[in-house]
């Protein structure tokens, strides 16, 4: 009989975070049982009962202990507590686990493209998956604008294909999260949240960005109980409800369109008059408006979510002002506050760059935390203000934020890193040749 604890994962169809959870346990060589709750009312009720009323997927259990959803499981993995629960924890003696010419932070489109190019350049890249393996594209069910796929391709499928391609060229992918990078000496010292330490001659930061929340009353209590940042993960759990999507960009338009599969009516609350989304998505939404499936609430902001973990979201409080940004005009007599009945809320309000692990380095960021890189013409466009650290993808790009631009930046970062590593090698060779011969006695 195996001493391995029993791992159970409740999943649903088209659930990217479920795939992330399974990938995590796969990477650790841990067997698990999965229960798909899609169209299985008994399994769904069983999951809700065992998960203390949560109606989101995945839900992970180890030896009948509720670990929680992807965020909870990932957080335990960061600290090493998950390995302890699985009985595979190792003692951290502070020694360096490995040295690599190049470490890449992130397995989104930018990181994986960098890994493909770096592998082809024989730079033996170690790719750290981070707390959102695969990046934001794994949350997209249909990628219709990535070149080469006229019929479109699923985000998770595209990411998995790129992972396999990177591995074929020699990249090694490791599950884990970088805690800090020390640039006070060379090689760089890269410390993981589980205590492992690596060194590297160069680092590519392609760690992407994470979904933002509003910080409003009810948010912490109801996250996972009717409030979500992933419509494709959780939309089906609220079938027949009125749903509210907060945001005005591509993600908000896409999520609202997707939710029409399940909702009675989808409402979009946007704080301005004009959407930021590209015309393609705005047109899709207006088609749904004409069909009576979506209603748009412009110049409107969400200020509070009401409900309970037992019963989920009951209603929300909204404010509206025709001038836009109503929360900045709460004292304006024309600002209207009102309660609105919905059964689920989905945030699609942008992202925060994942750059905390570089806080102790000399890299520079803008006020929002996005990495500043050299840019311009010629080589070295992805260099940061620290020689040997490069940036690519959504951790740098706050404007375009497209899969194809992330891929382009990933390739640039790998090429820039290759030039840097070659220069290091030439410098080392020159230094060795310049060493004076030992004097004869």
Protein backbone atom coordinates (compact mmCIF):
# COMPACT_ATOMS: atom_id res chain seq x y z
CA UNK A 1 0.00 0.00 0.00
CA UNK A 2 1.30 3.46 -0.91
CA UNK A 3 2.11 5.93 1.86
CA UNK A 4 1.05 8.78 -0.42
CA UNK A 5 -1.90 10.77 0.93
CA UNK A 6 -5.14 10.68 -0.99
CA UNK A 7 -5.53 13.75 -3.19
CA UNK A 8 -8.96 14.63 -4.62
CA UNK A 9 -9.66 17.49 -7.03
CA UNK A 10 -13.16 18.64 -7.94
CA UNK A 11 -13.04 20.10 -11.45
CA UNK A 12 -15.32 21.34 -14.19
CA UNK A 13 -15.13 21.42 -17.97
CA UNK A 14 -13.28 24.42 -19.49
CA UNK A 15 -11.73 25.35 -16.15
CA UNK A 16 -8.17 26.68 -16.57
CA UNK A 17 -7.49 26.87 -12.84
CA UNK A 18 -8.48 23.20 -12.58
CA UNK A 19 -5.81 22.41 -15.16
CA UNK A 20 -3.30 24.47 -13.18
CA UNK A 21 -4.07 22.44 -10.06
CA UNK A 22 -3.67 19.15 -11.91
CA UNK A 23 -0.44 20.34 -13.52
CA UNK A 24 0.91 21.24 -10.08
CA UNK A 25 0.37 17.76 -8.69
CA UNK A 26 1.63 16.20 -11.91
CA UNK A 27 4.86 18.17 -11.58
CA UNK A 28 5.32 16.72 -8.10
CA UNK A 29 4.64 13.16 -9.28
CA UNK A 30 1.57 12.92 -7.04
CA UNK A 31 -1.41 10.81 -8.11
CA UNK A 32 -4.88 12.26 -7.61
CA UNK A 33 -8.54 11.56 -8.24
CA UNK A 34 -10.66 14.06 -10.16
CA UNK A 35 -14.42 14.57 -10.01
CA UNK A 36 -15.94 16.65 -12.81
CA UNK A 37 -18.99 18.47 -11.47
CA UNK A 38 -20.15 19.81 -14.84
CA UNK A 39 -23.69 18.57 -15.50
CA UNK A 40 -23.43 16.33 -12.42
CA UNK A 41 -25.71 17.82 -9.76
CA UNK A 42 -24.88 15.19 -7.16
CA UNK A 43 -21.13 15.75 -7.48
CA UNK A 44 -21.67 19.51 -7.44
CA UNK A 45 -23.69 19.37 -4.22
CA UNK A 46 -21.08 17.05 -2.74
CA UNK A 47 -18.33 19.54 -3.59
CA UNK A 48 -20.25 22.48 -2.13
CA UNK A 49 -20.90 20.56 1.09
CA UNK A 50 -17.29 19.48 1.50
CA UNK A 51 -15.92 22.91 0.50
CA UNK A 52 -17.87 24.82 3.17
CA UNK A 53 -20.33 26.26 0.66
CA UNK A 54 -17.89 27.41 -2.00
CA UNK A 55 -19.24 27.09 -5.54
CA UNK A 56 -16.02 27.48 -7.49
CA UNK A 57 -13.59 25.05 -9.03
CA UNK A 58 -11.16 23.56 -8.42
CA UNK A 59 -11.52 22.39 -4.85
CA UNK A 60 -8.60 20.32 -3.56
CA UNK A 61 -8.61 17.84 -0.67
CA UNK A 62 -5.70 15.96 0.87
CA UNK A 63 -6.71 13.04 3.09
CA UNK A 64 -10.20 14.62 3.41
CA UNK A 65 -8.71 17.95 4.53
CA UNK A 66 -10.01 20.90 2.53
CA UNK A 67 -7.05 22.67 0.95
CA UNK A 68 -9.24 25.01 -1.09
CA UNK A 69 -9.17 26.42 -4.59
CA UNK A 70 -6.23 27.20 -6.84
CA UNK A 71 -5.23 30.34 -4.92
CA UNK A 72 -5.18 28.44 -1.61
CA UNK A 73 -3.29 25.48 -3.07
CA UNK A 74 -0.78 27.73 -4.81
CA UNK A 75 -0.22 29.74 -1.61
CA UNK A 76 0.59 26.56 0.32
CA UNK A 77 2.93 25.51 -2.45
CA UNK A 78 4.76 28.85 -2.23
CA UNK A 79 5.66 28.30 1.41
CA UNK A 80 6.48 24.59 1.11
CA UNK A 81 3.50 23.63 3.29
CA UNK A 82 1.89 21.72 0.44
CA UNK A 83 4.94 19.46 0.12
CA UNK A 84 4.79 18.86 3.86
CA UNK A 85 1.15 17.78 3.61
CA UNK A 86 2.08 15.49 0.73
CA UNK A 87 4.99 14.00 2.64
CA UNK A 88 7.59 15.07 0.08
CA UNK A 89 9.16 18.03 1.86
CA UNK A 90 12.95 18.16 2.01
CA UNK A 91 15.19 19.88 4.51
CA UNK A 92 16.40 23.31 3.42
CA UNK A 93 20.08 23.53 4.20
CA UNK A 94 20.56 26.85 2.43
CA UNK A 95 22.86 25.36 -0.19
CA UNK A 96 22.56 26.29 -3.84
CA UNK A 97 20.50 23.72 -5.70
CA UNK A 98 21.82 24.50 -9.17
CA UNK A 99 23.52 27.10 -11.34
CA UNK A 100 22.16 28.00 -14.77
CA UNK A 101 23.30 30.41 -17.44
CA UNK A 102 19.72 31.70 -17.63
CA UNK A 103 16.65 31.64 -15.41
CA UNK A 104 13.30 32.72 -16.86
CA UNK A 105 10.54 33.81 -14.47
CA UNK A 106 7.11 32.92 -15.87
CA UNK A 107 5.49 30.44 -18.25
CA UNK A 108 3.12 32.73 -20.08
CA UNK A 109 3.54 33.47 -23.77
CA UNK A 110 6.54 35.77 -23.19
CA UNK A 111 8.35 33.36 -20.86
CA UNK A 112 7.75 30.30 -23.03
CA UNK A 113 8.83 32.10 -26.22
CA UNK A 114 11.99 33.19 -24.41
CA UNK A 115 12.49 29.58 -23.30
CA UNK A 116 12.18 28.29 -26.89
CA UNK A 117 14.74 30.79 -28.18
CA UNK A 118 17.07 30.33 -25.21
CA UNK A 119 16.95 26.56 -25.56
CA UNK A 120 17.81 26.81 -29.26
CA UNK A 121 20.78 29.00 -28.26
CA UNK A 122 22.06 26.28 -25.89
CA UNK A 123 21.62 28.52 -22.87
CA UNK A 124 20.14 25.70 -20.73
CA UNK A 125 17.25 27.81 -19.42
CA UNK A 126 15.46 27.01 -16.17
CA UNK A 127 11.89 28.28 -16.40
CA UNK A 128 10.05 28.98 -13.13
CA UNK A 129 6.30 28.56 -13.57
CA UNK A 130 5.17 31.06 -10.92
CA UNK A 131 1.83 31.19 -9.12
CA UNK A 132 -0.14 31.34 -12.39
CA UNK A 133 1.40 28.65 -14.64
CA UNK A 134 0.71 29.44 -18.25
CA UNK A 135 -0.19 33.04 -17.52
CA UNK A 136 -3.38 34.89 -18.39
CA UNK A 137 -3.87 33.11 -21.70
CA UNK A 138 -4.89 29.93 -19.88
CA UNK A 139 -8.04 31.81 -18.85
CA UNK A 140 -9.01 32.45 -22.47
CA UNK A 141 -11.17 29.81 -24.11
CA UNK A 142 -10.80 31.09 -27.66
CA UNK A 143 -7.70 32.85 -28.99
CA UNK A 144 -8.83 34.06 -32.40
CA UNK A 145 -6.09 36.61 -33.20
CA UNK A 146 -2.87 34.62 -32.74
CA UNK A 147 -1.23 34.27 -36.18
CA UNK A 148 -1.32 30.83 -37.75
CA UNK A 149 -4.63 29.63 -36.31
CA UNK A 150 -7.40 30.73 -38.71
CA UNK A 151 -9.98 28.72 -36.76
CA UNK A 152 -8.69 30.00 -33.42
CA UNK A 153 -7.12 27.97 -30.64
CA UNK A 154 -7.82 27.55 -26.95
CA UNK A 155 -5.49 29.43 -24.63
CA UNK A 156 -4.52 26.36 -22.56
CA UNK A 157 -3.84 24.37 -25.74
CA UNK A 158 -1.58 27.09 -27.14
CA UNK A 159 0.33 27.34 -23.86
CA UNK A 160 0.74 23.56 -23.55
CA UNK A 161 2.03 23.36 -27.13
CA UNK A 162 4.60 26.05 -26.36
CA UNK A 163 5.68 24.22 -23.19
CA UNK A 164 6.34 21.06 -25.17
CA UNK A 165 8.21 23.05 -27.80
CA UNK A 166 10.40 24.68 -25.13
CA UNK A 167 11.18 21.29 -23.58
CA UNK A 168 12.14 19.88 -26.98
CA UNK A 169 14.82 22.56 -27.24
CA UNK A 170 16.22 21.81 -23.78
CA UNK A 171 14.33 24.15 -21.46
CA UNK A 172 13.52 22.79 -18.01
CA UNK A 173 10.26 23.87 -16.38
CA UNK A 174 10.05 23.95 -12.61
CA UNK A 175 6.97 24.55 -10.53
CA UNK A 176 7.63 27.21 -7.93
CA UNK A 177 7.62 30.93 -7.16
CA UNK A 178 10.59 33.25 -6.92
CA UNK A 179 10.81 35.04 -3.59
CA UNK A 180 13.70 37.35 -4.39
CA UNK A 181 16.60 38.07 -6.73
CA UNK A 182 19.89 39.31 -5.27
CA UNK A 183 21.85 41.47 -7.73
CA UNK A 184 24.50 42.61 -5.24
CA UNK A 185 27.03 40.16 -6.73
CA UNK A 186 27.39 37.89 -9.73
CA UNK A 187 26.05 35.37 -10.52
CA UNK A 188 22.55 36.44 -9.47
CA UNK A 189 21.15 34.61 -6.46
CA UNK A 190 17.54 33.51 -7.01
CA UNK A 191 15.70 32.37 -3.90
CA UNK A 192 12.45 30.46 -4.14
CA UNK A 193 9.54 30.73 -1.71
CA UNK A 194 10.04 27.09 -0.73
CA UNK A 195 13.62 27.89 0.34
CA UNK A 196 15.47 26.50 -2.68
CA UNK A 197 18.26 28.70 -4.02
CA UNK A 198 19.58 28.92 -7.58
CA UNK A 199 22.22 31.06 -9.20
CA UNK A 200 22.14 32.42 -12.73
CA UNK A 201 24.29 34.54 -15.01
CA UNK A 202 21.19 36.19 -16.48
CA UNK A 203 17.51 36.49 -15.59
CA UNK A 204 14.50 37.18 -17.81
CA UNK A 205 11.52 38.59 -15.90
CA UNK A 206 8.43 37.42 -17.78
CA UNK A 207 6.25 36.99 -14.73
CA UNK A 208 3.18 38.70 -16.15
CA UNK A 209 0.43 40.38 -14.18
CA UNK A 210 -2.34 39.27 -11.82
CA UNK A 211 -6.02 40.16 -11.82
CA UNK A 212 -6.94 43.27 -9.86
CA UNK A 213 -9.71 43.55 -7.34
CA UNK A 214 -11.52 46.65 -6.04
CA UNK A 215 -10.99 46.41 -2.29
CA UNK A 216 -14.67 47.14 -1.61
CA UNK A 217 -16.85 45.87 1.25
CA UNK A 218 -17.96 42.28 0.77
CA UNK A 219 -15.10 41.42 -1.57
CA UNK A 220 -12.96 39.35 0.81
CA UNK A 221 -15.90 37.54 2.34
CA UNK A 222 -17.57 36.62 -0.97
CA UNK A 223 -14.57 35.79 -3.18
CA UNK A 224 -15.38 32.26 -4.27
CA UNK A 225 -18.96 32.51 -3.03
CA UNK A 226 -20.44 34.32 -6.01
CA UNK A 227 -17.56 36.72 -6.67
CA UNK A 228 -14.88 35.62 -9.13
CA UNK A 229 -12.10 36.90 -11.40
CA UNK A 230 -12.56 34.05 -13.90
CA UNK A 231 -15.82 33.72 -15.81
CA UNK A 232 -14.70 30.62 -17.70
CA UNK A 233 -13.92 28.93 -14.39
CA UNK A 234 -17.03 29.76 -12.45
CA UNK A 235 -19.77 31.03 -14.74
CA UNK A 236 -21.54 27.67 -15.07
CA UNK A 237 -22.04 27.46 -11.31
CA UNK A 238 -24.50 30.35 -11.43
CA UNK A 239 -26.68 29.14 -14.28
CA UNK A 240 -29.94 31.09 -14.56
CA UNK A 241 -28.77 33.98 -12.37
CA UNK A 242 -28.40 37.62 -13.36
CA UNK A 243 -24.66 38.31 -13.47
CA UNK A 244 -22.59 41.49 -13.24
CA UNK A 245 -19.28 41.98 -15.06
CA UNK A 246 -17.18 44.93 -13.90
CA UNK A 247 -14.83 46.45 -16.48
CA UNK A 248 -14.58 48.00 -19.92
CA UNK A 249 -11.67 46.33 -21.69
CA UNK A 250 -11.27 43.26 -23.87
CA UNK A 251 -11.40 40.90 -20.89
CA UNK A 252 -14.70 42.36 -19.65
CA UNK A 253 -16.28 42.13 -23.09
CA UNK A 254 -15.07 38.56 -23.59
CA UNK A 255 -16.23 37.42 -20.16
CA UNK A 256 -19.64 39.06 -20.56
CA UNK A 257 -20.11 37.36 -23.93
CA UNK A 258 -19.06 34.00 -22.49
CA UNK A 259 -21.43 34.32 -19.53
CA UNK A 260 -24.47 34.67 -21.78
CA UNK A 261 -24.26 30.87 -22.10
CA UNK A 262 -25.40 30.56 -18.50
CA UNK A 263 -26.92 33.82 -17.25
CA UNK A 264 -30.46 35.06 -17.37
CA UNK A 265 -29.06 38.52 -18.15
CA UNK A 266 -25.46 39.75 -18.06
CA UNK A 267 -24.93 43.34 -16.94
CA UNK A 268 -21.70 45.24 -17.68
CA UNK A 269 -20.80 48.06 -15.29
CA UNK A 270 -18.17 50.45 -16.67
CA UNK A 271 -17.07 53.62 -14.96
CA UNK A 272 -16.80 55.64 -18.16
CA UNK A 273 -18.87 56.37 -21.26
CA UNK A 274 -16.51 54.73 -23.75
CA UNK A 275 -15.16 51.20 -23.61
CA UNK A 276 -11.43 50.52 -23.85
CA UNK A 277 -11.99 47.22 -25.65
CA UNK A 278 -11.13 46.71 -29.30
CA UNK A 279 -13.96 47.09 -31.80
CA UNK A 280 -14.25 43.34 -32.35
CA UNK A 281 -15.32 42.73 -28.75
CA UNK A 282 -17.51 45.83 -28.54
CA UNK A 283 -19.35 44.66 -31.65
CA UNK A 284 -19.81 41.18 -30.15
CA UNK A 285 -21.29 42.69 -27.00
CA UNK A 286 -23.66 44.95 -28.93
CA UNK A 287 -24.90 41.92 -30.84
CA UNK A 288 -25.76 40.34 -27.49
CA UNK A 289 -27.41 43.58 -26.38
CA UNK A 290 -29.66 43.48 -29.43
CA UNK A 291 -30.52 39.87 -28.61
CA UNK A 292 -31.50 40.88 -25.07
CA UNK A 293 -28.75 38.87 -23.37
CA UNK A 294 -26.53 41.76 -22.20
CA UNK A 295 -27.34 45.17 -20.75
CA UNK A 296 -24.70 47.90 -20.45
CA UNK A 297 -24.51 50.26 -17.47
CA UNK A 298 -22.09 53.06 -18.41
CA UNK A 299 -20.65 55.64 -16.00
CA UNK A 300 -21.42 53.17 -13.23
CA UNK A 301 -19.21 51.72 -10.51
CA UNK A 302 -19.57 48.92 -7.98
CA UNK A 303 -19.13 50.02 -4.37
CA UNK A 304 -20.29 47.05 -2.27
CA UNK A 305 -21.24 43.38 -2.63
CA UNK A 306 -23.92 41.97 -0.33
CA UNK A 307 -24.55 38.35 0.60
CA UNK A 308 -23.14 35.54 2.70
CA UNK A 309 -20.94 32.52 2.26
CA UNK A 310 -23.95 30.34 2.98
CA UNK A 311 -26.22 31.89 0.34
CA UNK A 312 -23.77 33.58 -2.04
CA UNK A 313 -24.20 37.02 -3.59
CA UNK A 314 -27.62 38.54 -2.98
CA UNK A 315 -27.27 42.03 -4.46
CA UNK A 316 -24.76 44.83 -5.03
CA UNK A 317 -24.58 48.57 -4.50
CA UNK A 318 -23.80 50.70 -7.54
CA UNK A 319 -23.26 54.42 -8.09
CA UNK A 320 -23.92 56.23 -11.37
CA UNK A 321 -23.10 59.69 -12.72
CA UNK A 322 -23.36 60.73 -16.37
CA UNK A 323 -20.00 62.51 -16.12
CA UNK A 324 -18.23 59.21 -15.44
CA UNK A 325 -16.05 57.95 -12.55
CA UNK A 326 -18.94 58.28 -10.09
CA UNK A 327 -16.93 57.19 -7.03
CA UNK A 328 -14.92 60.39 -7.52
CA UNK A 329 -18.22 62.34 -7.46
CA UNK A 330 -19.99 60.90 -4.45
CA UNK A 331 -20.74 64.41 -3.15
CA UNK A 332 -22.24 65.44 -6.50
CA UNK A 333 -26.05 65.63 -6.11
CA UNK A 334 -26.32 64.09 -9.59
CA UNK A 335 -24.59 60.91 -8.42
CA UNK A 336 -27.17 58.21 -7.84
CA UNK A 337 -26.58 55.28 -5.50
CA UNK A 338 -28.80 52.23 -5.81
CA UNK A 339 -29.01 48.54 -4.98
CA UNK A 340 -29.14 46.03 -7.80
CA UNK A 341 -30.06 42.34 -7.66
CA UNK A 342 -27.53 39.90 -9.15
CA UNK A 343 -26.49 36.40 -8.20
CA UNK A 344 -22.84 36.56 -9.28
CA UNK A 345 -20.16 39.19 -9.86
CA UNK A 346 -17.08 38.93 -12.09
CA UNK A 347 -14.15 41.36 -11.96
CA UNK A 348 -12.38 42.15 -15.25
CA UNK A 349 -10.66 45.41 -14.31
CA UNK A 350 -7.08 44.95 -15.36
CA UNK A 351 -3.97 43.53 -13.80
CA UNK A 352 -1.06 44.34 -11.49
CA UNK A 353 2.44 43.42 -12.71
CA UNK A 354 4.17 40.68 -10.74
CA UNK A 355 7.46 42.39 -9.88
CA UNK A 356 7.65 42.09 -6.09
CA UNK A 357 10.51 39.59 -6.26
CA UNK A 358 12.67 42.28 -7.86
CA UNK A 359 12.02 44.88 -5.16
CA UNK A 360 15.48 44.53 -3.61
CA UNK A 361 17.28 44.89 -6.92
CA UNK A 362 18.22 48.07 -8.74
CA UNK A 363 15.73 47.52 -11.57
CA UNK A 364 13.43 50.46 -12.12
CA UNK A 365 9.65 50.39 -12.38
CA UNK A 366 6.98 52.95 -13.10
CA UNK A 367 4.38 54.03 -10.55
CA UNK A 368 2.23 50.98 -11.34
CA UNK A 369 5.10 48.53 -10.91
CA UNK A 370 5.78 47.80 -14.58
CA UNK A 371 9.45 47.20 -15.41
CA UNK A 372 11.29 49.92 -17.27
CA UNK A 373 13.45 48.61 -20.10
CA UNK A 374 15.85 50.27 -22.52
CA UNK A 375 13.61 50.11 -25.59
CA UNK A 376 14.63 52.06 -28.68
CA UNK A 377 16.30 50.67 -31.78
CA UNK A 378 18.88 47.94 -32.18
CA UNK A 379 19.78 45.25 -29.68
CA UNK A 380 19.32 45.35 -25.93
CA UNK A 381 15.76 46.71 -26.05
CA UNK A 382 14.61 44.43 -23.20
CA UNK A 383 17.46 45.29 -20.83
CA UNK A 384 16.49 46.72 -17.46
CA UNK A 385 18.67 49.10 -15.48
CA UNK A 386 20.48 46.07 -14.06
CA UNK A 387 22.90 44.48 -16.49
CA UNK A 388 21.90 40.83 -16.94
CA UNK A 389 18.22 41.25 -16.00
CA UNK A 390 15.76 41.52 -18.89
CA UNK A 391 12.00 42.09 -19.04
CA UNK A 392 9.33 40.78 -21.41
CA UNK A 393 5.57 40.54 -21.76
CA UNK A 394 2.89 42.00 -19.53
CA UNK A 395 5.37 42.66 -16.74
CA UNK A 396 6.71 45.43 -19.04
CA UNK A 397 3.90 46.14 -21.48
CA UNK A 398 0.99 48.03 -19.93
CA UNK A 399 -0.30 49.22 -23.30
CA UNK A 400 -0.63 46.48 -25.93
CA UNK A 401 -1.00 43.42 -23.66
CA UNK A 402 -1.49 40.99 -26.54
CA UNK A 403 -0.29 37.41 -26.82
CA UNK A 404 1.54 38.14 -30.05
CA UNK A 405 3.36 41.18 -28.64
CA UNK A 406 4.30 39.18 -25.56
CA UNK A 407 5.76 36.49 -27.81
CA UNK A 408 7.74 39.10 -29.71
CA UNK A 409 9.14 40.56 -26.51
CA UNK A 410 9.99 37.08 -25.25
CA UNK A 411 12.06 36.37 -28.34
CA UNK A 412 13.81 39.76 -28.00
CA UNK A 413 14.62 39.08 -24.34
CA UNK A 414 16.13 35.69 -25.16
CA UNK A 415 18.23 37.17 -27.97
CA UNK A 416 19.37 40.03 -25.72
CA UNK A 417 20.23 37.57 -22.95
CA UNK A 418 22.17 35.42 -25.41
CA UNK A 419 24.25 38.41 -26.48
CA UNK A 420 24.85 39.27 -22.83
CA UNK A 421 25.93 35.71 -21.98
CA UNK A 422 28.26 35.58 -24.98
CA UNK A 423 29.83 38.87 -23.88
CA UNK A 424 30.32 37.42 -20.39
CA UNK A 425 32.01 34.36 -21.85
CA UNK A 426 34.31 36.50 -24.00
CA UNK A 427 35.19 38.65 -20.99
CA UNK A 428 35.98 35.57 -18.90
CA UNK A 429 38.16 34.14 -21.67
CA UNK A 430 40.02 37.42 -22.06
CA UNK A 431 40.60 37.62 -18.32
CA UNK A 432 42.05 34.12 -18.26
CA UNK A 433 44.35 34.88 -21.18
CA UNK A 434 45.49 38.10 -19.52
CA UNK A 435 46.58 36.39 -16.30
CA UNK A 436 50.38 36.68 -16.05
CA UNK A 437 52.30 33.45 -16.22
CA UNK A 438 53.81 32.33 -12.96
CA UNK A 439 57.39 33.65 -12.54
CA UNK A 440 60.25 31.14 -12.83
CA UNK A 441 62.20 30.50 -9.69
